[in-house]
């Protein structure tokens, strides 16, 4: 969705899908999403230059694809949501780099597997949300989950979450900007309605367990 160089990972993933199977392609795509997420967190204010490339591609509220790996998307807000995201990122400072967590990635993959079969969307499947999925994987419920549907490049996944079209509180954008996050896991796969989906789980701990309490300085003793 951005400059062609940002789509090379998506093209490679699609070629790998045909050549060596879905699992290997998904691993490459997921790695690309994780890398793009850390690229954003490394300098959120600078990342706005990528979002600016969206502006000339709008025809009313239709976002026209500039790459064969994407499709045209009818947005709810049009360019207004892009402009707001650009303004919102201007004052943001660099954030800590996230570390990959296999436990978070497995819980995310469980959700992808369920919705790849059912065609459902959202954070819950049969009443089970991200916290329950983490517990089933031996972790804890202290996680933050974001999901995208229909984007076929790592850059497109992160851009969609930042623009957050149609989400009044911009919850996905704020989730990516949380300084408390230290770990993340990514799982992507096919979706029968939207073609693709990606789930990102983030946490302060590698397994969603409660974060350690903050270290408090001892109170000064009056003299």
C-alpha atoms as a PDB file:
ATOM      1  CA  UNK A   1       0.000   0.000   0.000  1.00  0.00           C
ATOM      2  CA  UNK A   2       3.008   2.263   0.307  1.00  0.00           C
ATOM      3  CA  UNK A   3       6.060   2.529  -1.906  1.00  0.00           C
ATOM      4  CA  UNK A   4       6.854  -0.672  -3.818  1.00  0.00           C
ATOM      5  CA  UNK A   5       9.808  -1.525  -1.537  1.00  0.00           C
ATOM      6  CA  UNK A   6       7.464  -1.913   1.407  1.00  0.00           C
ATOM      7  CA  UNK A   7       5.575  -4.648  -0.473  1.00  0.00           C
ATOM      8  CA  UNK A   8       8.532  -6.857  -1.289  1.00  0.00           C
ATOM      9  CA  UNK A   9       7.892  -8.992   1.807  1.00  0.00           C
ATOM     10  CA  UNK A  10       4.295  -9.568   0.710  1.00  0.00           C
ATOM     11  CA  UNK A  11       5.314 -10.578  -2.812  1.00  0.00           C
ATOM     12  CA  UNK A  12       7.927 -12.964  -1.418  1.00  0.00           C
ATOM     13  CA  UNK A  13       5.334 -14.489   0.898  1.00  0.00           C
ATOM     14  CA  UNK A  14       2.874 -15.026  -1.934  1.00  0.00           C
ATOM     15  CA  UNK A  15       5.540 -16.670  -4.100  1.00  0.00           C
ATOM     16  CA  UNK A  16       6.583 -18.861  -1.196  1.00  0.00           C
ATOM     17  CA  UNK A  17       2.962 -19.867  -0.645  1.00  0.00           C
ATOM     18  CA  UNK A  18       2.840 -21.337  -4.133  1.00  0.00           C
ATOM     19  CA  UNK A  19       6.327 -22.825  -4.022  1.00  0.00           C
ATOM     20  CA  UNK A  20       6.852 -24.310  -0.570  1.00  0.00           C
ATOM     21  CA  UNK A  21       3.494 -24.379   1.177  1.00  0.00           C
ATOM     22  CA  UNK A  22       1.330 -22.262   3.451  1.00  0.00           C
ATOM     23  CA  UNK A  23       3.263 -22.753   6.697  1.00  0.00           C
ATOM     24  CA  UNK A  24       6.565 -21.421   5.354  1.00  0.00           C
ATOM     25  CA  UNK A  25       4.861 -18.486   3.635  1.00  0.00           C
ATOM     26  CA  UNK A  26       2.935 -17.602   6.787  1.00  0.00           C
ATOM     27  CA  UNK A  27       6.154 -17.636   8.807  1.00  0.00           C
ATOM     28  CA  UNK A  28       7.746 -15.150   6.409  1.00  0.00           C
ATOM     29  CA  UNK A  29       4.680 -12.932   6.439  1.00  0.00           C
ATOM     30  CA  UNK A  30       4.413 -12.984  10.230  1.00  0.00           C
ATOM     31  CA  UNK A  31       8.087 -12.123  10.541  1.00  0.00           C
ATOM     32  CA  UNK A  32       7.509  -9.217   8.165  1.00  0.00           C
ATOM     33  CA  UNK A  33       4.618  -7.904  10.264  1.00  0.00           C
ATOM     34  CA  UNK A  34       6.712  -8.162  13.434  1.00  0.00           C
ATOM     35  CA  UNK A  35       9.597  -6.318  11.766  1.00  0.00           C
ATOM     36  CA  UNK A  36       7.258  -3.597  10.492  1.00  0.00           C
ATOM     37  CA  UNK A  37       5.735  -3.201  13.963  1.00  0.00           C
ATOM     38  CA  UNK A  38       9.188  -2.609  15.460  1.00  0.00           C
ATOM     39  CA  UNK A  39      10.052  -0.249  12.607  1.00  0.00           C
ATOM     40  CA  UNK A  40       7.042   1.832  13.614  1.00  0.00           C
ATOM     41  CA  UNK A  41       7.836   1.747  17.338  1.00  0.00           C
ATOM     42  CA  UNK A  42      11.428   2.734  16.654  1.00  0.00           C
ATOM     43  CA  UNK A  43      10.297   6.147  15.382  1.00  0.00           C
ATOM     44  CA  UNK A  44       6.510   6.718  15.360  1.00  0.00           C
ATOM     45  CA  UNK A  45       6.840  10.372  14.385  1.00  0.00           C
ATOM     46  CA  UNK A  46       8.911   9.513  11.311  1.00  0.00           C
ATOM     47  CA  UNK A  47       6.495   6.726  10.314  1.00  0.00           C
ATOM     48  CA  UNK A  48       3.900   9.315   9.357  1.00  0.00           C
ATOM     49  CA  UNK A  49       5.702   9.790   6.029  1.00  0.00           C
ATOM     50  CA  UNK A  50       4.499   6.338   4.969  1.00  0.00           C
ATOM     51  CA  UNK A  51       0.897   7.205   5.817  1.00  0.00           C
ATOM     52  CA  UNK A  52       1.125  10.364   3.713  1.00  0.00           C
ATOM     53  CA  UNK A  53       1.420   8.182   0.617  1.00  0.00           C
ATOM     54  CA  UNK A  54      -2.214   7.138   1.088  1.00  0.00           C
ATOM     55  CA  UNK A  55      -3.665  10.610   0.476  1.00  0.00           C
ATOM     56  CA  UNK A  56      -3.474  10.726  -3.350  1.00  0.00           C
ATOM     57  CA  UNK A  57      -4.920   7.225  -3.633  1.00  0.00           C
ATOM     58  CA  UNK A  58      -8.383   8.121  -2.363  1.00  0.00           C
ATOM     59  CA  UNK A  59     -11.308   8.412  -4.748  1.00  0.00           C
ATOM     60  CA  UNK A  60     -13.920   9.665  -2.330  1.00  0.00           C
ATOM     61  CA  UNK A  61     -13.879   6.999   0.383  1.00  0.00           C
ATOM     62  CA  UNK A  62     -12.455   4.314  -1.907  1.00  0.00           C
ATOM     63  CA  UNK A  63      -8.795   3.528  -1.273  1.00  0.00           C
ATOM     64  CA  UNK A  64      -7.408   2.394  -4.616  1.00  0.00           C
ATOM     65  CA  UNK A  65      -4.678  -0.266  -4.550  1.00  0.00           C
ATOM     66  CA  UNK A  66      -1.300   0.579  -6.043  1.00  0.00           C
ATOM     67  CA  UNK A  67       0.008  -2.976  -5.840  1.00  0.00           C
ATOM     68  CA  UNK A  68      -1.162  -6.363  -7.123  1.00  0.00           C
ATOM     69  CA  UNK A  69      -0.928  -7.824  -3.626  1.00  0.00           C
ATOM     70  CA  UNK A  70      -3.700  -5.528  -2.343  1.00  0.00           C
ATOM     71  CA  UNK A  71      -7.323  -4.897  -3.286  1.00  0.00           C
ATOM     72  CA  UNK A  72      -9.351  -1.688  -3.460  1.00  0.00           C
ATOM     73  CA  UNK A  73     -10.936  -0.971  -0.067  1.00  0.00           C
ATOM     74  CA  UNK A  74     -14.078   1.014   0.643  1.00  0.00           C
ATOM     75  CA  UNK A  75     -13.285   2.887   3.851  1.00  0.00           C
ATOM     76  CA  UNK A  76     -15.742   4.495   6.243  1.00  0.00           C
ATOM     77  CA  UNK A  77     -13.964   7.814   6.782  1.00  0.00           C
ATOM     78  CA  UNK A  78     -11.789   8.284   3.735  1.00  0.00           C
ATOM     79  CA  UNK A  79      -8.722  10.501   3.910  1.00  0.00           C
ATOM     80  CA  UNK A  80      -9.863  12.126   7.181  1.00  0.00           C
ATOM     81  CA  UNK A  81      -8.729   9.121   9.241  1.00  0.00           C
ATOM     82  CA  UNK A  82      -5.336   9.173   7.503  1.00  0.00           C
ATOM     83  CA  UNK A  83      -4.851  12.871   8.249  1.00  0.00           C
ATOM     84  CA  UNK A  84      -5.774  12.325  11.887  1.00  0.00           C
ATOM     85  CA  UNK A  85      -3.244   9.489  12.205  1.00  0.00           C
ATOM     86  CA  UNK A  86      -0.531  11.687  10.696  1.00  0.00           C
ATOM     87  CA  UNK A  87      -1.299  14.468  13.198  1.00  0.00           C
ATOM     88  CA  UNK A  88      -1.451  11.992  16.073  1.00  0.00           C
ATOM     89  CA  UNK A  89       1.995  10.556  15.360  1.00  0.00           C
ATOM     90  CA  UNK A  90       3.856  13.858  15.029  1.00  0.00           C
ATOM     91  CA  UNK A  91       4.615  14.255  18.715  1.00  0.00           C
ATOM     92  CA  UNK A  92       5.244  10.590  19.542  1.00  0.00           C
ATOM     93  CA  UNK A  93       8.648   9.579  20.855  1.00  0.00           C
ATOM     94  CA  UNK A  94      10.479   6.310  20.105  1.00  0.00           C
ATOM     95  CA  UNK A  95       9.258   3.260  21.990  1.00  0.00           C
ATOM     96  CA  UNK A  96      11.064   0.165  23.204  1.00  0.00           C
ATOM     97  CA  UNK A  97      11.626  -2.605  20.675  1.00  0.00           C
ATOM     98  CA  UNK A  98       9.350  -5.606  21.153  1.00  0.00           C
ATOM     99  CA  UNK A  99      10.749  -9.099  21.705  1.00  0.00           C
ATOM    100  CA  UNK A 100       9.154 -12.071  19.960  1.00  0.00           C
ATOM    101  CA  UNK A 101       7.163 -14.441  22.178  1.00  0.00           C
ATOM    102  CA  UNK A 102       6.313 -17.961  20.988  1.00  0.00           C
ATOM    103  CA  UNK A 103       3.544 -18.252  23.594  1.00  0.00           C
ATOM    104  CA  UNK A 104       1.819 -15.099  22.364  1.00  0.00           C
ATOM    105  CA  UNK A 105       2.256 -16.237  18.753  1.00  0.00           C
ATOM    106  CA  UNK A 106       0.704 -19.654  19.449  1.00  0.00           C
ATOM    107  CA  UNK A 107      -2.334 -18.098  21.106  1.00  0.00           C
ATOM    108  CA  UNK A 108      -2.691 -15.738  18.139  1.00  0.00           C
ATOM    109  CA  UNK A 109      -2.403 -18.713  15.756  1.00  0.00           C
ATOM    110  CA  UNK A 110      -5.232 -20.484  17.606  1.00  0.00           C
ATOM    111  CA  UNK A 111      -7.526 -17.563  16.762  1.00  0.00           C
ATOM    112  CA  UNK A 112      -6.405 -17.490  13.131  1.00  0.00           C
ATOM    113  CA  UNK A 113      -7.076 -21.220  12.813  1.00  0.00           C
ATOM    114  CA  UNK A 114     -10.592 -20.884  14.251  1.00  0.00           C
ATOM    115  CA  UNK A 115     -11.621 -17.929  12.104  1.00  0.00           C
ATOM    116  CA  UNK A 116      -9.992 -19.380   8.995  1.00  0.00           C
ATOM    117  CA  UNK A 117     -12.524 -22.195   9.307  1.00  0.00           C
ATOM    118  CA  UNK A 118     -15.562 -20.220  10.450  1.00  0.00           C
ATOM    119  CA  UNK A 119     -15.202 -16.944   8.556  1.00  0.00           C
ATOM    120  CA  UNK A 120     -16.011 -15.043  11.762  1.00  0.00           C
ATOM    121  CA  UNK A 121     -14.378 -11.743  12.716  1.00  0.00           C
ATOM    122  CA  UNK A 122     -13.591 -10.075  16.027  1.00  0.00           C
ATOM    123  CA  UNK A 123     -11.762 -11.054  19.202  1.00  0.00           C
ATOM    124  CA  UNK A 124     -14.064 -13.851  20.394  1.00  0.00           C
ATOM    125  CA  UNK A 125     -14.733 -17.332  19.089  1.00  0.00           C
ATOM    126  CA  UNK A 126     -17.439 -19.319  20.872  1.00  0.00           C
ATOM    127  CA  UNK A 127     -17.128 -17.006  23.847  1.00  0.00           C
ATOM    128  CA  UNK A 128     -13.358 -17.434  24.078  1.00  0.00           C
ATOM    129  CA  UNK A 129     -11.304 -14.242  23.934  1.00  0.00           C
ATOM    130  CA  UNK A 130      -7.570 -13.525  23.985  1.00  0.00           C
ATOM    131  CA  UNK A 131      -7.316 -14.074  27.733  1.00  0.00           C
ATOM    132  CA  UNK A 132      -8.884 -17.522  27.535  1.00  0.00           C
ATOM    133  CA  UNK A 133      -6.689 -18.468  24.583  1.00  0.00           C
ATOM    134  CA  UNK A 134      -3.595 -17.445  26.527  1.00  0.00           C
ATOM    135  CA  UNK A 135      -4.645 -19.520  29.536  1.00  0.00           C
ATOM    136  CA  UNK A 136      -5.173 -22.528  27.276  1.00  0.00           C
ATOM    137  CA  UNK A 137      -1.560 -22.098  26.181  1.00  0.00           C
ATOM    138  CA  UNK A 138      -0.330 -22.036  29.769  1.00  0.00           C
ATOM    139  CA  UNK A 139      -0.010 -18.262  29.965  1.00  0.00           C
ATOM    140  CA  UNK A 140      -1.902 -15.448  31.644  1.00  0.00           C
ATOM    141  CA  UNK A 141      -4.640 -13.061  30.489  1.00  0.00           C
ATOM    142  CA  UNK A 142      -2.632  -9.824  30.667  1.00  0.00           C
ATOM    143  CA  UNK A 143      -2.473  -9.269  26.925  1.00  0.00           C
ATOM    144  CA  UNK A 144      -3.567  -6.757  24.333  1.00  0.00           C
ATOM    145  CA  UNK A 145      -4.823  -8.044  20.966  1.00  0.00           C
ATOM    146  CA  UNK A 146      -5.200  -6.307  17.596  1.00  0.00           C
ATOM    147  CA  UNK A 147      -6.502  -7.903  14.380  1.00  0.00           C
ATOM    148  CA  UNK A 148      -6.571  -6.915  10.721  1.00  0.00           C
ATOM    149  CA  UNK A 149      -8.535  -8.433   7.863  1.00  0.00           C
ATOM    150  CA  UNK A 150      -7.962  -8.132   4.130  1.00  0.00           C
ATOM    151  CA  UNK A 151      -4.448  -6.687   4.041  1.00  0.00           C
ATOM    152  CA  UNK A 152      -1.806  -8.688   2.209  1.00  0.00           C
ATOM    153  CA  UNK A 153       1.458  -6.900   3.006  1.00  0.00           C
ATOM    154  CA  UNK A 154       3.194  -6.421   6.378  1.00  0.00           C
ATOM    155  CA  UNK A 155       3.179  -2.659   5.800  1.00  0.00           C
ATOM    156  CA  UNK A 156      -0.545  -2.734   5.037  1.00  0.00           C
ATOM    157  CA  UNK A 157      -1.281  -4.564   8.293  1.00  0.00           C
ATOM    158  CA  UNK A 158       0.502  -1.977  10.458  1.00  0.00           C
ATOM    159  CA  UNK A 159      -0.833   0.960   8.427  1.00  0.00           C
ATOM    160  CA  UNK A 160      -4.423  -0.259   8.829  1.00  0.00           C
ATOM    161  CA  UNK A 161      -4.005  -0.512  12.595  1.00  0.00           C
ATOM    162  CA  UNK A 162      -2.561   3.014  12.798  1.00  0.00           C
ATOM    163  CA  UNK A 163      -5.176   4.652  10.569  1.00  0.00           C
ATOM    164  CA  UNK A 164      -7.897   2.702  12.406  1.00  0.00           C
ATOM    165  CA  UNK A 165     -10.633   3.662   9.934  1.00  0.00           C
ATOM    166  CA  UNK A 166     -14.106   3.353  11.438  1.00  0.00           C
ATOM    167  CA  UNK A 167     -12.910   2.813  15.028  1.00  0.00           C
ATOM    168  CA  UNK A 168     -14.043   5.869  17.027  1.00  0.00           C
ATOM    169  CA  UNK A 169     -11.592   5.521  19.933  1.00  0.00           C
ATOM    170  CA  UNK A 170      -8.648   4.534  17.682  1.00  0.00           C
ATOM    171  CA  UNK A 171      -8.002   1.666  20.057  1.00  0.00           C
ATOM    172  CA  UNK A 172      -5.715  -0.226  17.667  1.00  0.00           C
ATOM    173  CA  UNK A 173      -3.486   2.822  17.177  1.00  0.00           C
ATOM    174  CA  UNK A 174      -3.222   3.391  20.903  1.00  0.00           C
ATOM    175  CA  UNK A 175      -2.407  -0.299  21.445  1.00  0.00           C
ATOM    176  CA  UNK A 176       0.600  -0.101  19.120  1.00  0.00           C
ATOM    177  CA  UNK A 177       1.725   3.040  20.955  1.00  0.00           C
ATOM    178  CA  UNK A 178       1.613   1.578  24.461  1.00  0.00           C
ATOM    179  CA  UNK A 179       5.040   2.033  26.055  1.00  0.00           C
ATOM    180  CA  UNK A 180       4.373  -0.771  28.561  1.00  0.00           C
ATOM    181  CA  UNK A 181       4.461  -3.478  25.900  1.00  0.00           C
ATOM    182  CA  UNK A 182       7.667  -5.500  25.812  1.00  0.00           C
ATOM    183  CA  UNK A 183       6.703  -8.697  23.927  1.00  0.00           C
ATOM    184  CA  UNK A 184       4.625  -9.593  20.889  1.00  0.00           C
ATOM    185  CA  UNK A 185       3.560 -12.612  18.882  1.00  0.00           C
ATOM    186  CA  UNK A 186       2.081 -12.553  15.370  1.00  0.00           C
ATOM    187  CA  UNK A 187      -0.007 -15.097  13.463  1.00  0.00           C
ATOM    188  CA  UNK A 188      -1.429 -14.627   9.955  1.00  0.00           C
ATOM    189  CA  UNK A 189      -3.450 -16.858   7.671  1.00  0.00           C
ATOM    190  CA  UNK A 190      -6.265 -17.145   5.188  1.00  0.00           C
ATOM    191  CA  UNK A 191      -9.823 -15.986   5.804  1.00  0.00           C
ATOM    192  CA  UNK A 192     -12.810 -17.208   3.761  1.00  0.00           C
ATOM    193  CA  UNK A 193     -14.419 -13.756   3.575  1.00  0.00           C
ATOM    194  CA  UNK A 194     -11.543 -11.250   3.695  1.00  0.00           C
ATOM    195  CA  UNK A 195      -8.870 -13.505   2.107  1.00  0.00           C
ATOM    196  CA  UNK A 196      -6.277 -12.810   4.833  1.00  0.00           C
ATOM    197  CA  UNK A 197      -6.118 -11.980   8.530  1.00  0.00           C
ATOM    198  CA  UNK A 198      -3.378 -11.168  11.046  1.00  0.00           C
ATOM    199  CA  UNK A 199      -3.536 -11.342  14.830  1.00  0.00           C
ATOM    200  CA  UNK A 200      -0.979  -9.561  17.018  1.00  0.00           C
ATOM    201  CA  UNK A 201      -0.828 -10.215  20.757  1.00  0.00           C
ATOM    202  CA  UNK A 202       1.243  -7.874  22.935  1.00  0.00           C
ATOM    203  CA  UNK A 203       2.089  -7.978  26.624  1.00  0.00           C
ATOM    204  CA  UNK A 204       4.444  -6.718  29.302  1.00  0.00           C
ATOM    205  CA  UNK A 205       5.559 -10.316  29.858  1.00  0.00           C
ATOM    206  CA  UNK A 206       6.407 -13.120  27.394  1.00  0.00           C
ATOM    207  CA  UNK A 207       3.478 -15.295  28.503  1.00  0.00           C
ATOM    208  CA  UNK A 208       0.826 -12.784  29.554  1.00  0.00           C
ATOM    209  CA  UNK A 209       1.495 -13.314  33.247  1.00  0.00           C
ATOM    210  CA  UNK A 210       1.048 -10.382  35.636  1.00  0.00           C
ATOM    211  CA  UNK A 211       3.771  -7.763  35.201  1.00  0.00           C
ATOM    212  CA  UNK A 212       6.135  -7.322  38.125  1.00  0.00           C
ATOM    213  CA  UNK A 213       5.178  -4.561  40.543  1.00  0.00           C
ATOM    214  CA  UNK A 214       7.002  -1.278  40.053  1.00  0.00           C
ATOM    215  CA  UNK A 215      10.065  -0.739  42.191  1.00  0.00           C
ATOM    216  CA  UNK A 216       9.328   1.891  44.781  1.00  0.00           C
ATOM    217  CA  UNK A 217      12.010   4.036  46.299  1.00  0.00           C
ATOM    218  CA  UNK A 218      12.055   4.012  50.075  1.00  0.00           C
ATOM    219  CA  UNK A 219      10.507   7.027  51.690  1.00  0.00           C
ATOM    220  CA  UNK A 220      12.952   9.633  52.852  1.00  0.00           C
ATOM    221  CA  UNK A 221      13.564   9.510  56.595  1.00  0.00           C
ATOM    222  CA  UNK A 222      12.995  12.926  58.168  1.00  0.00           C
ATOM    223  CA  UNK A 223      15.961  14.317  60.033  1.00  0.00           C
END
